[in-house]
C-alpha atoms as a PDB file:
ATOM      1  CA  MET A   1      -7.314 -26.721  43.478  1.00  0.00           C
ATOM      2  CA  SER A   2      -9.914 -27.261  41.105  1.00  0.00           C
ATOM      3  CA  LYS A   3      -9.636 -27.758  37.335  1.00  0.00           C
ATOM      4  CA  LYS A   4     -10.234 -24.265  36.369  1.00  0.00           C
ATOM      5  CA  ASN A   5      -7.400 -22.574  38.562  1.00  0.00           C
ATOM      6  CA  LYS A   6      -4.927 -24.774  37.957  1.00  0.00           C
ATOM      7  CA  LEU A   7      -1.486 -22.686  36.265  1.00  0.00           C
ATOM      8  CA  SER A   8      -1.537 -25.435  33.424  1.00  0.00           C
ATOM      9  CA  THR A   9      -4.398 -24.291  31.992  1.00  0.00           C
ATOM     10  CA  ARG A  10      -4.974 -20.512  33.324  1.00  0.00           C
ATOM     11  CA  VAL A  11      -1.344 -21.220  30.666  1.00  0.00           C
ATOM     12  CA  LYS A  12      -2.857 -22.993  27.507  1.00  0.00           C
ATOM     13  CA  GLN A  13      -6.254 -20.574  27.627  1.00  0.00           C
ATOM     14  CA  HIS A  14      -4.169 -17.230  28.311  1.00  0.00           C
ATOM     15  CA  ILE A  15      -1.592 -18.665  24.776  1.00  0.00           C
ATOM     16  CA  PHE A  16      -5.486 -19.823  23.420  1.00  0.00           C
ATOM     17  CA  ASP A  17      -6.538 -16.269  23.609  1.00  0.00           C
ATOM     18  CA  LEU A  18      -3.491 -14.035  22.622  1.00  0.00           C
ATOM     19  CA  LYS A  19      -3.706 -16.422  19.785  1.00  0.00           C
ATOM     20  CA  ARG A  20      -7.180 -15.729  18.681  1.00  0.00           C
ATOM     21  CA  GLU A  21      -6.802 -11.907  19.298  1.00  0.00           C
ATOM     22  CA  LYS A  22      -3.200 -11.772  16.902  1.00  0.00           C
ATOM     23  CA  GLU A  23      -5.463 -14.042  13.993  1.00  0.00           C
ATOM     24  CA  GLU A  24      -9.067 -11.438  14.750  1.00  0.00           C
ATOM     25  CA  GLN A  25      -6.109  -8.600  14.560  1.00  0.00           C
ATOM     26  CA  GLU A  26      -4.358  -9.884  11.032  1.00  0.00           C
ATOM     27  CA  LYS A  27      -8.545 -10.177   9.894  1.00  0.00           C
ATOM     28  CA  ARG A  28      -8.394  -7.038  10.752  1.00  0.00           C
ATOM     29  CA  ALA A  29      -5.879  -5.582   9.093  1.00  0.00           C
ATOM     30  CA  LYS A  30      -6.328  -7.903   5.550  1.00  0.00           C
ATOM     31  CA  LYS A  31      -9.814  -6.639   5.595  1.00  0.00           C
ATOM     32  CA  ALA A  32      -8.973  -3.168   5.743  1.00  0.00           C
ATOM     33  CA  GLU A  33      -5.998  -3.214   3.617  1.00  0.00           C
ATOM     34  CA  LYS A  34      -8.364  -4.892   0.989  1.00  0.00           C
ATOM     35  CA  GLN A  35     -11.382  -2.503   1.616  1.00  0.00           C
ATOM     36  CA  LYS A  36      -8.630   0.354   0.886  1.00  0.00           C
ATOM     37  CA  LYS A  37      -7.547  -1.514  -2.248  1.00  0.00           C
ATOM     38  CA  LYS A  38     -10.857  -1.413  -3.570  1.00  0.00           C
ATOM     39  CA  VAL A  39     -11.137   1.996  -2.788  1.00  0.00           C
ATOM     40  CA  GLU A  40      -8.497   2.993  -4.942  1.00  0.00           C
ATOM     41  CA  GLU A  41      -9.252   0.302  -7.591  1.00  0.00           C
ATOM     42  CA  LYS A  42     -12.724   2.836  -8.334  1.00  0.00           C
ATOM     43  CA  LYS A  43     -10.798   5.750  -7.967  1.00  0.00           C
ATOM     44  CA  ASN A  44      -8.631   4.174 -11.022  1.00  0.00           C
ATOM     45  CA  SER A  45     -11.203   3.060 -12.604  1.00  0.00           C
ATOM     46  CA  MET A  46     -13.563   6.241 -12.440  1.00  0.00           C
ATOM     47  CA  LYS A  47     -10.641   7.869 -14.656  1.00  0.00           C
ATOM     48  CA  VAL A  48     -10.897   8.298 -18.612  1.00  0.00           C
ATOM     49  CA  ASP A  49      -9.144  11.377 -19.789  1.00  0.00           C
ATOM     50  CA  SER A  50      -5.598  11.865 -18.626  1.00  0.00           C
ATOM     51  CA  GLY A  51      -6.662  15.359 -17.412  1.00  0.00           C
ATOM     52  CA  PRO A  52      -6.703  15.816 -13.847  1.00  0.00           C
ATOM     53  CA  GLY A  53      -9.720  14.703 -12.019  1.00  0.00           C
ATOM     54  CA  SER A  54     -11.569  13.618 -14.888  1.00  0.00           C
ATOM     55  CA  THR A  55     -14.444  11.073 -13.838  1.00  0.00           C
ATOM     56  CA  VAL A  56     -17.107   9.419 -15.404  1.00  0.00           C
ATOM     57  CA  SER A  57     -20.192  11.179 -16.022  1.00  0.00           C
ATOM     58  CA  LYS A  58     -23.690   9.686 -14.612  1.00  0.00           C
ATOM     59  CA  VAL A  59     -24.193   7.940 -18.004  1.00  0.00           C
ATOM     60  CA  GLY A  60     -20.980   6.238 -18.231  1.00  0.00           C
ATOM     61  CA  LYS A  61     -21.352   4.563 -14.647  1.00  0.00           C
ATOM     62  CA  GLN A  62     -25.887   3.529 -16.242  1.00  0.00           C
ATOM     63  CA  ILE A  63     -24.613   1.596 -19.122  1.00  0.00           C
ATOM     64  CA  LYS A  64     -21.576   0.472 -17.558  1.00  0.00           C
ATOM     65  CA  LYS A  65     -24.230  -1.388 -14.933  1.00  0.00           C
ATOM     66  CA  LYS A  66     -26.018  -1.388 -17.425  1.00  0.00           C
ATOM     67  CA  SER A  67     -24.642  -4.064 -19.387  1.00  0.00           C
ATOM     68  CA  HIS A  68     -25.301  -7.070 -16.856  1.00  0.00           C
ATOM     69  CA  LYS A  69     -28.853  -6.699 -17.278  1.00  0.00           C
ATOM     70  CA  VAL A  70     -31.460  -8.659 -19.270  1.00  0.00           C
ATOM     71  CA  GLY A  71     -34.266  -7.108 -20.466  1.00  0.00           C
ATOM     72  CA  LYS A  72     -35.414  -3.518 -22.470  1.00  0.00           C
ATOM     73  CA  LYS A  73     -33.040  -1.302 -23.573  1.00  0.00           C
ATOM     74  CA  ARG A  74     -33.456   2.239 -22.200  1.00  0.00           C
ATOM     75  CA  ASP A  75     -32.642   5.652 -23.416  1.00  0.00           C
ATOM     76  CA  PHE A  76     -30.070   7.424 -22.053  1.00  0.00           C
ATOM     77  CA  LYS A  77     -30.195  11.023 -22.182  1.00  0.00           C
ATOM     78  CA  LEU A  78     -26.219  12.840 -22.905  1.00  0.00           C
ATOM     79  CA  SER A  79     -24.527  15.680 -20.968  1.00  0.00           C
ATOM     80  CA  ALA A  80     -23.762  18.087 -22.928  1.00  0.00           C
ATOM     81  CA  THR A  81     -19.824  17.367 -22.110  1.00  0.00           C
ATOM     82  CA  THR A  82     -20.756  13.826 -22.885  1.00  0.00           C
ATOM     83  CA  LYS A  83     -21.919  14.508 -26.317  1.00  0.00           C
ATOM     84  CA  ALA A  84     -19.189  16.904 -26.836  1.00  0.00           C
ATOM     85  CA  LYS A  85     -16.826  14.108 -25.584  1.00  0.00           C
ATOM     86  CA  ALA A  86     -18.103  11.415 -28.497  1.00  0.00           C
ATOM     87  CA  ALA A  87     -18.356  14.419 -30.786  1.00  0.00           C
ATOM     88  CA  GLN A  88     -14.536  14.898 -30.641  1.00  0.00           C
ATOM     89  CA  ALA A  89     -13.570  11.196 -30.277  1.00  0.00           C
ATOM     90  CA  MET A  90     -14.997  10.399 -33.502  1.00  0.00           C
ATOM     91  CA  ALA A  91     -13.072  13.623 -35.428  1.00  0.00           C
ATOM     92  CA  MET A  92      -9.885  11.744 -34.054  1.00  0.00           C
ATOM     93  CA  GLU A  93     -10.844   8.291 -35.856  1.00  0.00           C
ATOM     94  CA  ILE A  94     -12.002  10.384 -39.105  1.00  0.00           C
ATOM     95  CA  GLU A  95      -8.101  11.870 -39.180  1.00  0.00           C
ATOM     96  CA  LYS A  96      -6.453   8.024 -38.920  1.00  0.00           C
END
């Protein structure tokens, strides 16, 4: 009997293949779970107000990303809603 055709060798190879497949499946499941968590965190981090469906405006994202960069500062044009929110926040601070 050839070396490749021995029963013990085939059994060991089969067990090894099963173990490898199981590890790959676990790895894929872990990766999918991690991706799912990342998406959930991103959704949660985008919420600003307690109201339904409220998200951070584009300007807020730019400021957040820019905080880690070094160099010249860029001027941002604020949208009307962002200006209104800022005015409302300032009014609340003054009241306190």
